[in-house]
């Protein structure tokens, strides 16, 4: 239980108070090197947490749940997963931020190949930019 600043009565923490996406979603979808947004229209971690808390409050008030966010994957996105060894070679740690394909390749000093992408990861089945598809799927 927590105490509110102006009261001596304890207040129970709600599930919305405890909702924390740190370490499970990027703080931002912008490339840490060049700043390009790799997932246009996607909310940041903090925005997702705020939307969840708002949704919980709205459900309590109205009894109806609402959609938190609708994700659209299209030809403007560079959402992908590379093997841990590739990410580490680029000087990145897990949940260290996002890199666009161009900046990842620049850090590696080489072009990405299909072997750099784990086949079974859901991110690697989604639509994306032409350069991401070329590297990931080996299609020119």
Protein backbone atom coordinates (compact mmCIF):
# COMPACT_ATOMS: atom_id res chain seq x y z
CA UNK A 1 0.00 0.00 0.00
CA UNK A 2 1.08 3.55 -0.66
CA UNK A 3 0.13 6.80 1.01
CA UNK A 4 -1.14 9.79 -0.87
CA UNK A 5 0.74 13.04 -0.13
CA UNK A 6 -2.23 14.80 1.52
CA UNK A 7 -3.71 11.93 3.45
CA UNK A 8 -2.81 9.51 6.18
CA UNK A 9 -5.14 6.92 4.67
CA UNK A 10 -3.22 4.28 2.71
CA UNK A 11 -4.16 3.79 -0.95
CA UNK A 12 -3.84 0.46 -2.69
CA UNK A 13 -1.68 0.48 -5.81
CA UNK A 14 -3.72 -0.43 -8.87
CA UNK A 15 -2.44 -2.69 -11.68
CA UNK A 16 -2.08 0.46 -13.80
CA UNK A 17 0.31 1.95 -11.22
CA UNK A 18 2.55 -1.10 -11.53
CA UNK A 19 2.50 -1.35 -15.35
CA UNK A 20 6.10 -0.91 -16.51
CA UNK A 21 7.43 -1.79 -19.99
CA UNK A 22 11.10 -1.00 -19.27
CA UNK A 23 13.25 -3.70 -20.83
CA UNK A 24 10.41 -5.09 -22.96
CA UNK A 25 9.91 -2.35 -25.56
CA UNK A 26 12.26 0.35 -26.87
CA UNK A 27 12.27 3.71 -25.14
CA UNK A 28 11.99 5.19 -28.65
CA UNK A 29 11.77 3.76 -32.15
CA UNK A 30 14.23 6.36 -33.48
CA UNK A 31 17.64 5.16 -34.66
CA UNK A 32 20.18 6.05 -31.96
CA UNK A 33 22.74 7.03 -34.63
CA UNK A 34 20.85 9.03 -37.28
CA UNK A 35 17.50 9.71 -35.60
CA UNK A 36 15.27 8.24 -38.34
CA UNK A 37 12.04 6.79 -36.96
CA UNK A 38 12.18 3.04 -37.64
CA UNK A 39 8.50 2.60 -36.70
CA UNK A 40 6.54 5.68 -37.80
CA UNK A 41 3.39 6.18 -35.77
CA UNK A 42 4.36 3.74 -33.01
CA UNK A 43 4.19 5.01 -29.45
CA UNK A 44 7.28 5.19 -27.25
CA UNK A 45 7.51 3.09 -24.08
CA UNK A 46 6.24 5.96 -21.93
CA UNK A 47 3.36 6.66 -24.33
CA UNK A 48 2.34 2.98 -24.24
CA UNK A 49 2.38 2.98 -20.45
CA UNK A 50 0.24 6.14 -20.36
CA UNK A 51 -2.26 4.66 -22.83
CA UNK A 52 -2.52 1.50 -20.72
CA UNK A 53 -3.12 3.51 -17.54
CA UNK A 54 -5.75 5.62 -19.32
CA UNK A 55 -7.42 2.46 -20.62
CA UNK A 56 -7.56 0.95 -17.12
CA UNK A 57 -9.08 4.15 -15.74
CA UNK A 58 -11.63 4.36 -18.58
CA UNK A 59 -12.63 0.73 -17.99
CA UNK A 60 -13.19 1.47 -14.29
CA UNK A 61 -15.27 4.54 -15.08
CA UNK A 62 -17.31 3.24 -18.01
CA UNK A 63 -17.06 -0.53 -17.67
CA UNK A 64 -15.85 -0.79 -21.27
CA UNK A 65 -12.34 -1.44 -22.47
CA UNK A 66 -10.80 0.44 -25.34
CA UNK A 67 -8.07 -0.36 -27.86
CA UNK A 68 -4.69 0.70 -26.52
CA UNK A 69 -3.00 1.15 -29.85
CA UNK A 70 -3.29 -0.21 -33.36
CA UNK A 71 0.01 -1.15 -34.95
CA UNK A 72 0.43 -0.92 -38.69
CA UNK A 73 3.39 -2.64 -40.31
CA UNK A 74 4.17 -1.25 -43.76
CA UNK A 75 6.90 -0.32 -46.23
CA UNK A 76 8.03 2.58 -44.02
CA UNK A 77 9.04 0.40 -41.05
CA UNK A 78 12.42 -1.06 -40.22
CA UNK A 79 11.41 -3.31 -37.36
CA UNK A 80 13.61 -6.38 -37.32
CA UNK A 81 15.59 -8.71 -35.08
CA UNK A 82 19.17 -9.73 -35.78
CA UNK A 83 21.16 -12.41 -34.02
CA UNK A 84 22.55 -11.42 -30.62
CA UNK A 85 26.11 -11.76 -31.93
CA UNK A 86 25.40 -9.26 -34.76
CA UNK A 87 23.85 -6.75 -32.34
CA UNK A 88 26.79 -7.10 -29.94
CA UNK A 89 29.34 -6.72 -32.77
CA UNK A 90 27.61 -3.42 -33.61
CA UNK A 91 28.33 -2.27 -30.05
CA UNK A 92 24.75 -2.60 -28.88
CA UNK A 93 23.40 -4.22 -25.72
CA UNK A 94 19.88 -5.67 -25.42
CA UNK A 95 17.27 -2.89 -25.23
CA UNK A 96 20.00 -0.32 -25.99
CA UNK A 97 17.77 1.38 -28.55
CA UNK A 98 17.02 0.99 -32.24
CA UNK A 99 19.26 1.17 -35.28
CA UNK A 100 18.04 1.62 -38.84
CA UNK A 101 19.45 -0.90 -41.32
CA UNK A 102 21.89 1.64 -42.77
CA UNK A 103 23.39 2.59 -39.40
CA UNK A 104 23.63 -1.06 -38.32
CA UNK A 105 25.51 -1.85 -41.52
CA UNK A 106 27.77 1.17 -41.01
CA UNK A 107 28.65 -0.02 -37.49
CA UNK A 108 29.31 -3.55 -38.77
CA UNK A 109 31.31 -2.33 -41.77
CA UNK A 110 29.39 -4.69 -44.05
CA UNK A 111 26.01 -5.33 -45.64
CA UNK A 112 23.54 -7.50 -43.72
CA UNK A 113 22.68 -10.94 -45.11
CA UNK A 114 19.73 -13.28 -44.49
CA UNK A 115 21.91 -15.31 -42.07
CA UNK A 116 22.04 -12.28 -39.73
CA UNK A 117 18.29 -12.53 -39.07
CA UNK A 118 16.85 -15.37 -36.95
CA UNK A 119 14.14 -17.04 -39.07
CA UNK A 120 11.78 -17.84 -36.23
CA UNK A 121 11.44 -14.33 -34.84
CA UNK A 122 8.04 -12.73 -35.53
CA UNK A 123 9.63 -9.36 -36.42
CA UNK A 124 11.36 -11.03 -39.36
CA UNK A 125 8.07 -11.99 -41.02
CA UNK A 126 6.67 -8.46 -41.13
CA UNK A 127 6.62 -5.98 -44.00
CA UNK A 128 9.35 -3.36 -44.08
CA UNK A 129 11.41 -1.01 -46.18
CA UNK A 130 12.84 -2.24 -49.45
CA UNK A 131 16.38 -2.32 -48.05
CA UNK A 132 15.28 -4.33 -45.00
CA UNK A 133 13.48 -6.90 -47.17
CA UNK A 134 16.52 -7.16 -49.48
CA UNK A 135 18.85 -7.89 -46.57
CA UNK A 136 16.49 -10.07 -44.54
CA UNK A 137 14.98 -12.16 -47.33
CA UNK A 138 17.80 -11.99 -49.91
CA UNK A 139 15.46 -10.48 -52.51
CA UNK A 140 16.79 -7.78 -54.80
